[in-house]
Amino acid sequence: MKVSEKWRKVLRRQPRYWIAIIFLSLLILLALFAPLIPIDPNQTDVANMSAGPSLQHIFGTDEIGRDYFIRVVYGGRISLMVGVLAMLASTIIGTLVGLISGYFGGWVDNVLMRFVDILSSIPWLVLVIVLSVLLKPGLVTIIFVIGCFSWMNIARLIRAETLSAKEREYVVYAQFIGEKHSKIIRRHIFPAVLSTLIVAATGSISGAIMTESALSFLGIGIQPPVASWGSLLQNAQSSLQQAPYMAILPGLFIILTVYSFNSLGNFLRDVTLVEG
């Protein structure tokens, strides 16, 4: 069965996945084409400070009169960028560690897995907060910190899949005839774990977005004047009574985005389980 046919079969069986696909598609398009919107996200308007939603400002304005719709859009760009780039970093590290550990086994497996256990035993959010404080706060730092310290679960998952894949007959035969280990991993092991990796990667995006939002909310993530959904939530604390929409809107976007990426992961998992 072709991949497109599997996708259609899963979507017919679970039409709720359409919600996630449509929402993420619109969000990504909006983030990509945000610079084409003729509104300056940093332009202040003292005559319209903390104004409610209107035809002129559909999401209202913030405490210094900036259009809140464009602030949320640009915040979404940053949050998505952090999520995707941190996912790429954690996926690459976790995949390499998992493949090497699972394929070679023995002392290599023991050393790598004990290292993973040590990192996993440290409260992850505490570790990220400490590193964020030590390093200069900003976009590059937050991507580096989240990406380099969120790969442990992916490593364990890929290791388990590798242990299963290397017992297959074609892998055993390739080892028997003397194929190079790097070639076996590249041609036989990696394709076998790819579907699992894709599902895990979508989940790591939502995790990275949640972590960035938490750190920015605490004031050690994305720094002004750059906005992310987490930093918008932090700024909204002082305006909850007179402008509750300033907290509701970015919070709602975080919830919907995390839900959509998790649903996308479930959708991809269901596609891989379709026979054919």
C-alpha atoms as a PDB file:
ATOM      1  CA  MET A   1       0.000   0.000   0.000  1.00  0.00           C
ATOM      2  CA  LYS A   2       1.306   3.451  -0.951  1.00  0.00           C
ATOM      3  CA  VAL A   3       2.029   6.005   1.763  1.00  0.00           C
ATOM      4  CA  SER A   4      -0.676   8.351   0.443  1.00  0.00           C
ATOM      5  CA  GLU A   5      -3.232   5.542   0.641  1.00  0.00           C
ATOM      6  CA  LYS A   6      -2.200   4.820   4.237  1.00  0.00           C
ATOM      7  CA  TRP A   7      -2.605   8.499   5.102  1.00  0.00           C
ATOM      8  CA  ARG A   8      -6.107   8.592   3.615  1.00  0.00           C
ATOM      9  CA  LYS A   9      -7.080   5.371   5.394  1.00  0.00           C
ATOM     10  CA  VAL A  10      -5.980   6.709   8.793  1.00  0.00           C
ATOM     11  CA  LEU A  11      -7.675  10.074   8.210  1.00  0.00           C
ATOM     12  CA  ARG A  12     -10.945   8.350   7.270  1.00  0.00           C
ATOM     13  CA  ARG A  13     -10.729   6.247  10.420  1.00  0.00           C
ATOM     14  CA  GLN A  14      -9.657   9.144  12.686  1.00  0.00           C
ATOM     15  CA  PRO A  15     -10.935  12.441  11.183  1.00  0.00           C
ATOM     16  CA  ARG A  16      -9.902  14.303  14.379  1.00  0.00           C
ATOM     17  CA  TYR A  17      -6.346  14.299  13.006  1.00  0.00           C
ATOM     18  CA  TRP A  18      -7.525  16.817  10.416  1.00  0.00           C
ATOM     19  CA  ILE A  19      -7.822  19.414  13.186  1.00  0.00           C
ATOM     20  CA  ALA A  20      -4.129  19.119  14.044  1.00  0.00           C
ATOM     21  CA  ILE A  21      -3.002  19.055  10.403  1.00  0.00           C
ATOM     22  CA  ILE A  22      -5.058  22.106   9.419  1.00  0.00           C
ATOM     23  CA  PHE A  23      -4.091  24.095  12.524  1.00  0.00           C
ATOM     24  CA  LEU A  24      -0.365  23.387  12.112  1.00  0.00           C
ATOM     25  CA  SER A  25      -0.514  24.176   8.387  1.00  0.00           C
ATOM     26  CA  LEU A  26      -2.159  27.546   9.031  1.00  0.00           C
ATOM     27  CA  LEU A  27       0.208  28.319  11.909  1.00  0.00           C
ATOM     28  CA  ILE A  28       3.315  27.516   9.865  1.00  0.00           C
ATOM     29  CA  LEU A  29       2.070  29.555   6.885  1.00  0.00           C
ATOM     30  CA  LEU A  30       1.276  32.481   9.166  1.00  0.00           C
ATOM     31  CA  ALA A  31       4.715  32.277  10.770  1.00  0.00           C
ATOM     32  CA  LEU A  32       6.502  32.052   7.414  1.00  0.00           C
ATOM     33  CA  PHE A  33       4.682  34.987   5.845  1.00  0.00           C
ATOM     34  CA  ALA A  34       4.541  37.175   8.972  1.00  0.00           C
ATOM     35  CA  PRO A  35       7.052  39.710   7.529  1.00  0.00           C
ATOM     36  CA  LEU A  36       4.574  40.376   4.709  1.00  0.00           C
ATOM     37  CA  ILE A  37       1.938  41.599   7.178  1.00  0.00           C
ATOM     38  CA  PRO A  38       2.171  45.408   7.137  1.00  0.00           C
ATOM     39  CA  ILE A  39       2.226  45.801  10.945  1.00  0.00           C
ATOM     40  CA  ASP A  40       5.335  46.547  12.993  1.00  0.00           C
ATOM     41  CA  PRO A  41       5.384  44.239  16.065  1.00  0.00           C
ATOM     42  CA  ASN A  42       7.401  46.822  18.029  1.00  0.00           C
ATOM     43  CA  GLN A  43       5.467  49.961  17.078  1.00  0.00           C
ATOM     44  CA  THR A  44       3.921  51.573  20.144  1.00  0.00           C
ATOM     45  CA  ASP A  45       0.682  53.562  20.304  1.00  0.00           C
ATOM     46  CA  VAL A  46       0.237  55.407  23.607  1.00  0.00           C
ATOM     47  CA  ALA A  47      -3.313  56.360  22.650  1.00  0.00           C
ATOM     48  CA  ASN A  48      -4.338  52.688  22.539  1.00  0.00           C
ATOM     49  CA  MET A  49      -2.555  51.086  25.469  1.00  0.00           C
ATOM     50  CA  SER A  50      -4.159  47.840  26.708  1.00  0.00           C
ATOM     51  CA  ALA A  51      -7.053  48.310  24.277  1.00  0.00           C
ATOM     52  CA  GLY A  52      -9.412  45.390  23.826  1.00  0.00           C
ATOM     53  CA  PRO A  53      -9.939  43.500  20.548  1.00  0.00           C
ATOM     54  CA  SER A  54     -11.386  45.682  17.778  1.00  0.00           C
ATOM     55  CA  LEU A  55     -11.499  45.941  14.010  1.00  0.00           C
ATOM     56  CA  GLN A  56      -8.260  47.926  14.075  1.00  0.00           C
ATOM     57  CA  HIS A  57      -6.506  45.514  16.467  1.00  0.00           C
ATOM     58  CA  ILE A  58      -8.204  42.117  16.278  1.00  0.00           C
ATOM     59  CA  PHE A  59      -6.301  40.796  19.323  1.00  0.00           C
ATOM     60  CA  GLY A  60      -6.203  44.169  21.066  1.00  0.00           C
ATOM     61  CA  THR A  61      -3.001  45.919  22.129  1.00  0.00           C
ATOM     62  CA  ASP A  62      -0.487  45.338  24.921  1.00  0.00           C
ATOM     63  CA  GLU A  63       0.492  47.566  27.829  1.00  0.00           C
ATOM     64  CA  ILE A  64       2.413  50.004  25.595  1.00  0.00           C
ATOM     65  CA  GLY A  65       0.015  49.961  22.639  1.00  0.00           C
ATOM     66  CA  ARG A  66       1.674  47.391  20.376  1.00  0.00           C
ATOM     67  CA  ASP A  67      -0.655  45.355  18.151  1.00  0.00           C
ATOM     68  CA  TYR A  68      -1.115  42.067  19.993  1.00  0.00           C
ATOM     69  CA  PHE A  69      -2.053  40.016  16.931  1.00  0.00           C
ATOM     70  CA  ILE A  70       1.309  40.613  15.263  1.00  0.00           C
ATOM     71  CA  ARG A  71       3.070  40.073  18.604  1.00  0.00           C
ATOM     72  CA  VAL A  72       1.424  36.662  18.909  1.00  0.00           C
ATOM     73  CA  VAL A  73       2.294  35.822  15.289  1.00  0.00           C
ATOM     74  CA  TYR A  74       5.955  36.753  15.744  1.00  0.00           C
ATOM     75  CA  GLY A  75       5.958  34.961  19.086  1.00  0.00           C
ATOM     76  CA  GLY A  76       4.741  31.889  17.258  1.00  0.00           C
ATOM     77  CA  ARG A  77       7.629  32.185  14.799  1.00  0.00           C
ATOM     78  CA  ILE A  78      10.131  32.133  17.660  1.00  0.00           C
ATOM     79  CA  SER A  79       8.395  29.301  19.535  1.00  0.00           C
ATOM     80  CA  LEU A  80       8.182  27.176  16.389  1.00  0.00           C
ATOM     81  CA  MET A  81      11.798  27.924  15.514  1.00  0.00           C
ATOM     82  CA  VAL A  82      12.919  26.872  18.987  1.00  0.00           C
ATOM     83  CA  GLY A  83      10.782  23.732  18.793  1.00  0.00           C
ATOM     84  CA  VAL A  84      12.027  22.625  15.376  1.00  0.00           C
ATOM     85  CA  LEU A  85      15.724  23.452  15.856  1.00  0.00           C
ATOM     86  CA  ALA A  86      15.835  21.984  19.366  1.00  0.00           C
ATOM     87  CA  MET A  87      14.090  18.888  17.992  1.00  0.00           C
ATOM     88  CA  LEU A  88      16.713  18.544  15.258  1.00  0.00           C
ATOM     89  CA  ALA A  89      19.550  18.827  17.776  1.00  0.00           C
ATOM     90  CA  SER A  90      18.034  16.364  20.260  1.00  0.00           C
ATOM     91  CA  THR A  91      17.037  13.946  17.488  1.00  0.00           C
ATOM     92  CA  ILE A  92      20.516  13.899  15.953  1.00  0.00           C
ATOM     93  CA  ILE A  93      22.250  13.365  19.312  1.00  0.00           C
ATOM     94  CA  GLY A  94      19.719  10.811  20.532  1.00  0.00           C
ATOM     95  CA  THR A  95      19.766   8.888  17.256  1.00  0.00           C
ATOM     96  CA  LEU A  96      23.568   8.670  17.158  1.00  0.00           C
ATOM     97  CA  VAL A  97      23.788   7.544  20.782  1.00  0.00           C
ATOM     98  CA  GLY A  98      20.943   5.057  20.386  1.00  0.00           C
ATOM     99  CA  LEU A  99      22.294   3.531  17.166  1.00  0.00           C
ATOM    100  CA  ILE A 100      25.850   3.166  18.471  1.00  0.00           C
ATOM    101  CA  SER A 101      24.735   1.841  21.852  1.00  0.00           C
ATOM    102  CA  GLY A 102      22.244  -0.661  20.470  1.00  0.00           C
ATOM    103  CA  TYR A 103      24.375  -1.867  17.560  1.00  0.00           C
ATOM    104  CA  PHE A 104      27.730  -2.380  19.272  1.00  0.00           C
ATOM    105  CA  GLY A 105      26.430  -3.418  22.709  1.00  0.00           C
ATOM    106  CA  GLY A 106      28.933  -4.569  25.357  1.00  0.00           C
ATOM    107  CA  TRP A 107      31.002  -1.949  27.142  1.00  0.00           C
ATOM    108  CA  VAL A 108      30.000   0.714  24.597  1.00  0.00           C
ATOM    109  CA  ASP A 109      26.352   0.165  25.460  1.00  0.00           C
ATOM    110  CA  ASN A 110      27.095   0.171  29.204  1.00  0.00           C
ATOM    111  CA  VAL A 111      29.072   3.419  29.100  1.00  0.00           C
ATOM    112  CA  LEU A 112      26.568   5.285  26.933  1.00  0.00           C
ATOM    113  CA  MET A 113      23.513   4.076  28.856  1.00  0.00           C
ATOM    114  CA  ARG A 114      25.064   4.912  32.234  1.00  0.00           C
ATOM    115  CA  PHE A 115      25.756   8.410  30.904  1.00  0.00           C
ATOM    116  CA  VAL A 116      22.130   8.638  29.802  1.00  0.00           C
ATOM    117  CA  ASP A 117      21.011   7.417  33.245  1.00  0.00           C
ATOM    118  CA  ILE A 118      23.108  10.097  34.971  1.00  0.00           C
ATOM    119  CA  LEU A 119      21.635  12.888  32.857  1.00  0.00           C
ATOM    120  CA  SER A 120      18.125  11.485  33.251  1.00  0.00           C
ATOM    121  CA  SER A 121      18.468  11.313  37.043  1.00  0.00           C
ATOM    122  CA  ILE A 122      18.954  15.082  37.262  1.00  0.00           C
ATOM    123  CA  PRO A 123      15.638  17.000  37.350  1.00  0.00           C
ATOM    124  CA  TRP A 124      15.577  18.116  33.746  1.00  0.00           C
ATOM    125  CA  LEU A 125      13.924  21.482  34.183  1.00  0.00           C
ATOM    126  CA  VAL A 126      16.319  22.356  37.014  1.00  0.00           C
ATOM    127  CA  LEU A 127      19.284  21.438  34.795  1.00  0.00           C
ATOM    128  CA  VAL A 128      17.965  23.578  31.951  1.00  0.00           C
ATOM    129  CA  ILE A 129      17.291  26.526  34.269  1.00  0.00           C
ATOM    130  CA  VAL A 130      20.807  26.373  35.743  1.00  0.00           C
ATOM    131  CA  LEU A 131      22.412  26.278  32.292  1.00  0.00           C
ATOM    132  CA  SER A 132      20.191  29.076  31.050  1.00  0.00           C
ATOM    133  CA  VAL A 133      21.319  31.235  33.966  1.00  0.00           C
ATOM    134  CA  LEU A 134      25.007  30.434  33.422  1.00  0.00           C
ATOM    135  CA  LEU A 135      24.862  31.153  29.697  1.00  0.00           C
ATOM    136  CA  LYS A 136      23.779  34.429  28.137  1.00  0.00           C
ATOM    137  CA  PRO A 137      19.971  34.357  27.779  1.00  0.00           C
ATOM    138  CA  GLY A 138      18.720  34.452  24.200  1.00  0.00           C
ATOM    139  CA  LEU A 139      17.446  32.480  21.240  1.00  0.00           C
ATOM    140  CA  VAL A 140      20.681  30.585  20.486  1.00  0.00           C
ATOM    141  CA  THR A 141      21.184  29.675  24.141  1.00  0.00           C
ATOM    142  CA  ILE A 142      17.650  28.370  24.597  1.00  0.00           C
ATOM    143  CA  ILE A 143      17.894  26.207  21.455  1.00  0.00           C
ATOM    144  CA  PHE A 144      21.290  24.880  22.545  1.00  0.00           C
ATOM    145  CA  VAL A 145      20.178  24.100  26.096  1.00  0.00           C
ATOM    146  CA  ILE A 146      16.909  22.388  25.140  1.00  0.00           C
ATOM    147  CA  GLY A 147      18.402  20.515  22.183  1.00  0.00           C
ATOM    148  CA  CYS A 148      21.477  19.241  24.014  1.00  0.00           C
ATOM    149  CA  PHE A 149      19.650  18.086  27.143  1.00  0.00           C
ATOM    150  CA  SER A 150      16.434  16.555  25.829  1.00  0.00           C
ATOM    151  CA  TRP A 151      17.794  13.665  23.763  1.00  0.00           C
ATOM    152  CA  MET A 152      17.908  10.928  26.416  1.00  0.00           C
ATOM    153  CA  ASN A 153      14.441   9.472  25.800  1.00  0.00           C
ATOM    154  CA  ILE A 154      15.065   9.392  22.041  1.00  0.00           C
ATOM    155  CA  ALA A 155      18.389   7.598  22.657  1.00  0.00           C
ATOM    156  CA  ARG A 156      16.669   4.922  24.742  1.00  0.00           C
ATOM    157  CA  LEU A 157      13.924   4.490  22.166  1.00  0.00           C
ATOM    158  CA  ILE A 158      16.339   4.192  19.220  1.00  0.00           C
ATOM    159  CA  ARG A 159      18.573   1.820  21.196  1.00  0.00           C
ATOM    160  CA  ALA A 160      15.605  -0.512  21.807  1.00  0.00           C
ATOM    161  CA  GLU A 161      14.632  -0.425  18.126  1.00  0.00           C
ATOM    162  CA  THR A 162      18.261  -1.030  17.105  1.00  0.00           C
ATOM    163  CA  LEU A 163      18.546  -4.072  19.379  1.00  0.00           C
ATOM    164  CA  SER A 164      15.531  -5.524  17.608  1.00  0.00           C
ATOM    165  CA  ALA A 165      16.651  -4.546  14.095  1.00  0.00           C
ATOM    166  CA  LYS A 166      20.166  -5.983  14.371  1.00  0.00           C
ATOM    167  CA  GLU A 167      18.735  -9.472  15.025  1.00  0.00           C
ATOM    168  CA  ARG A 168      17.042  -9.588  11.621  1.00  0.00           C
ATOM    169  CA  GLU A 169      18.407 -12.047   9.110  1.00  0.00           C
ATOM    170  CA  TYR A 170      19.619  -9.548   6.524  1.00  0.00           C
ATOM    171  CA  VAL A 171      21.589  -7.646   9.194  1.00  0.00           C
ATOM    172  CA  VAL A 172      23.136 -10.843  10.538  1.00  0.00           C
ATOM    173  CA  TYR A 173      24.066 -11.856   6.987  1.00  0.00           C
ATOM    174  CA  ALA A 174      25.613  -8.444   6.267  1.00  0.00           C
ATOM    175  CA  GLN A 175      27.749  -8.818   9.387  1.00  0.00           C
ATOM    176  CA  PHE A 176      28.688 -12.370   8.395  1.00  0.00           C
ATOM    177  CA  ILE A 177      29.998 -11.354   4.954  1.00  0.00           C
ATOM    178  CA  GLY A 178      32.113  -8.596   6.489  1.00  0.00           C
ATOM    179  CA  GLU A 179      30.204  -5.429   5.600  1.00  0.00           C
ATOM    180  CA  LYS A 180      31.487  -2.321   7.370  1.00  0.00           C
ATOM    181  CA  HIS A 181      29.596  -1.428  10.521  1.00  0.00           C
ATOM    182  CA  SER A 182      28.941   2.097   9.291  1.00  0.00           C
ATOM    183  CA  LYS A 183      27.406   0.736   6.080  1.00  0.00           C
ATOM    184  CA  ILE A 184      25.209  -1.731   7.959  1.00  0.00           C
ATOM    185  CA  ILE A 185      23.948   0.992  10.272  1.00  0.00           C
ATOM    186  CA  ARG A 186      23.318   3.378   7.386  1.00  0.00           C
ATOM    187  CA  ARG A 187      21.680   0.919   4.968  1.00  0.00           C
ATOM    188  CA  HIS A 188      19.899  -1.548   7.257  1.00  0.00           C
ATOM    189  CA  ILE A 189      19.536  -0.339  10.853  1.00  0.00           C
ATOM    190  CA  PHE A 190      18.654   3.311  10.331  1.00  0.00           C
ATOM    191  CA  PRO A 191      15.836   2.658   7.804  1.00  0.00           C
ATOM    192  CA  ALA A 192      14.383   0.126  10.260  1.00  0.00           C
ATOM    193  CA  VAL A 193      14.158   2.699  13.074  1.00  0.00           C
ATOM    194  CA  LEU A 194      13.203   5.685  10.909  1.00  0.00           C
ATOM    195  CA  SER A 195       9.431   5.432  11.373  1.00  0.00           C
ATOM    196  CA  THR A 196       9.823   5.314  15.160  1.00  0.00           C
ATOM    197  CA  LEU A 197      12.245   8.231  15.003  1.00  0.00           C
ATOM    198  CA  ILE A 198       9.794  10.395  13.050  1.00  0.00           C
ATOM    199  CA  VAL A 199       7.053   9.796  15.604  1.00  0.00           C
ATOM    200  CA  ALA A 200       9.416  10.594  18.495  1.00  0.00           C
ATOM    201  CA  ALA A 201      10.640  13.758  16.762  1.00  0.00           C
ATOM    202  CA  THR A 202       7.145  15.261  16.508  1.00  0.00           C
ATOM    203  CA  GLY A 203       6.676  14.720  20.231  1.00  0.00           C
ATOM    204  CA  SER A 204       9.989  16.393  21.003  1.00  0.00           C
ATOM    205  CA  ILE A 205       8.852  19.547  19.180  1.00  0.00           C
ATOM    206  CA  SER A 206       5.928  19.995  21.549  1.00  0.00           C
ATOM    207  CA  GLY A 207       8.216  19.297  24.498  1.00  0.00           C
ATOM    208  CA  ALA A 208      10.692  21.938  23.317  1.00  0.00           C
ATOM    209  CA  ILE A 209       7.904  24.514  22.864  1.00  0.00           C
ATOM    210  CA  MET A 210       6.622  23.822  26.392  1.00  0.00           C
ATOM    211  CA  THR A 211      10.128  24.121  27.853  1.00  0.00           C
ATOM    212  CA  GLU A 212      10.855  27.366  26.012  1.00  0.00           C
ATOM    213  CA  SER A 213       7.527  28.785  27.167  1.00  0.00           C
ATOM    214  CA  ALA A 214       8.273  27.833  30.779  1.00  0.00           C
ATOM    215  CA  LEU A 215      11.776  29.338  30.687  1.00  0.00           C
ATOM    216  CA  SER A 216      10.602  32.532  28.990  1.00  0.00           C
ATOM    217  CA  PHE A 217       7.765  32.802  31.503  1.00  0.00           C
ATOM    218  CA  LEU A 218      10.384  32.615  34.273  1.00  0.00           C
ATOM    219  CA  GLY A 219      12.379  35.358  32.543  1.00  0.00           C
ATOM    220  CA  ILE A 220      15.426  33.275  31.574  1.00  0.00           C
ATOM    221  CA  GLY A 221      14.409  32.374  28.033  1.00  0.00           C
ATOM    222  CA  ILE A 222      13.747  34.647  25.061  1.00  0.00           C
ATOM    223  CA  GLN A 223      14.645  38.232  25.951  1.00  0.00           C
ATOM    224  CA  PRO A 224      12.886  41.482  24.895  1.00  0.00           C
ATOM    225  CA  PRO A 225      12.305  42.985  22.416  1.00  0.00           C
ATOM    226  CA  VAL A 226      12.042  39.548  20.768  1.00  0.00           C
ATOM    227  CA  ALA A 227       8.760  37.897  21.719  1.00  0.00           C
ATOM    228  CA  SER A 228       7.781  34.272  22.166  1.00  0.00           C
ATOM    229  CA  TRP A 229       4.553  32.856  23.538  1.00  0.00           C
ATOM    230  CA  GLY A 230       6.256  32.259  26.883  1.00  0.00           C
ATOM    231  CA  SER A 231       7.569  35.824  27.145  1.00  0.00           C
ATOM    232  CA  LEU A 232       4.134  37.175  26.182  1.00  0.00           C
ATOM    233  CA  LEU A 233       2.674  35.185  29.067  1.00  0.00           C
ATOM    234  CA  GLN A 234       5.261  36.671  31.404  1.00  0.00           C
ATOM    235  CA  ASN A 235       4.477  40.220  30.269  1.00  0.00           C
ATOM    236  CA  ALA A 236       0.755  39.551  30.713  1.00  0.00           C
ATOM    237  CA  GLN A 237       1.115  38.921  34.463  1.00  0.00           C
ATOM    238  CA  SER A 238       0.896  42.618  35.281  1.00  0.00           C
ATOM    239  CA  SER A 239      -2.183  43.105  33.079  1.00  0.00           C
ATOM    240  CA  LEU A 240      -4.370  40.142  34.006  1.00  0.00           C
ATOM    241  CA  GLN A 241      -7.221  42.180  35.475  1.00  0.00           C
ATOM    242  CA  GLN A 242      -7.522  44.917  32.861  1.00  0.00           C
ATOM    243  CA  ALA A 243      -6.436  42.841  29.821  1.00  0.00           C
ATOM    244  CA  PRO A 244      -6.915  39.090  30.439  1.00  0.00           C
ATOM    245  CA  TYR A 245      -6.718  38.384  26.693  1.00  0.00           C
ATOM    246  CA  MET A 246      -2.958  39.079  26.883  1.00  0.00           C
ATOM    247  CA  ALA A 247      -2.550  35.829  28.819  1.00  0.00           C
ATOM    248  CA  ILE A 248      -5.397  33.850  27.266  1.00  0.00           C
ATOM    249  CA  LEU A 249      -4.304  34.204  23.627  1.00  0.00           C
ATOM    250  CA  PRO A 250      -0.654  33.023  23.841  1.00  0.00           C
ATOM    251  CA  GLY A 251      -1.676  30.353  26.377  1.00  0.00           C
ATOM    252  CA  LEU A 252      -4.345  29.095  23.977  1.00  0.00           C
ATOM    253  CA  PHE A 253      -1.857  28.983  21.101  1.00  0.00           C
ATOM    254  CA  ILE A 254       0.604  26.999  23.235  1.00  0.00           C
ATOM    255  CA  ILE A 255      -2.088  24.477  24.188  1.00  0.00           C
ATOM    256  CA  LEU A 256      -3.343  24.064  20.612  1.00  0.00           C
ATOM    257  CA  THR A 257       0.175  23.785  19.171  1.00  0.00           C
ATOM    258  CA  VAL A 258       1.315  21.180  21.703  1.00  0.00           C
ATOM    259  CA  TYR A 259      -1.910  19.223  21.190  1.00  0.00           C
ATOM    260  CA  SER A 260      -1.517  19.394  17.411  1.00  0.00           C
ATOM    261  CA  PHE A 261       2.087  18.168  17.408  1.00  0.00           C
ATOM    262  CA  ASN A 262       1.185  15.318  19.757  1.00  0.00           C
ATOM    263  CA  SER A 263      -1.745  14.428  17.516  1.00  0.00           C
ATOM    264  CA  LEU A 264       0.548  14.562  14.489  1.00  0.00           C
ATOM    265  CA  GLY A 265       2.851  12.087  16.212  1.00  0.00           C
ATOM    266  CA  ASN A 266      -0.095   9.775  16.900  1.00  0.00           C
ATOM    267  CA  PHE A 267      -1.193  10.134  13.276  1.00  0.00           C
ATOM    268  CA  LEU A 268       2.255   9.171  11.964  1.00  0.00           C
ATOM    269  CA  ARG A 269       2.331   6.226  14.383  1.00  0.00           C
ATOM    270  CA  ASP A 270      -1.040   5.013  13.098  1.00  0.00           C
ATOM    271  CA  VAL A 271       0.171   5.368   9.507  1.00  0.00           C
ATOM    272  CA  THR A 272       3.177   3.139  10.244  1.00  0.00           C
ATOM    273  CA  LEU A 273       0.870   0.520  11.801  1.00  0.00           C
ATOM    274  CA  VAL A 274      -1.387   0.288   8.728  1.00  0.00           C
ATOM    275  CA  GLU A 275      -0.753  -2.988   6.964  1.00  0.00           C
ATOM    276  CA  GLY A 276       0.042  -3.064   3.307  1.00  0.00           C
END
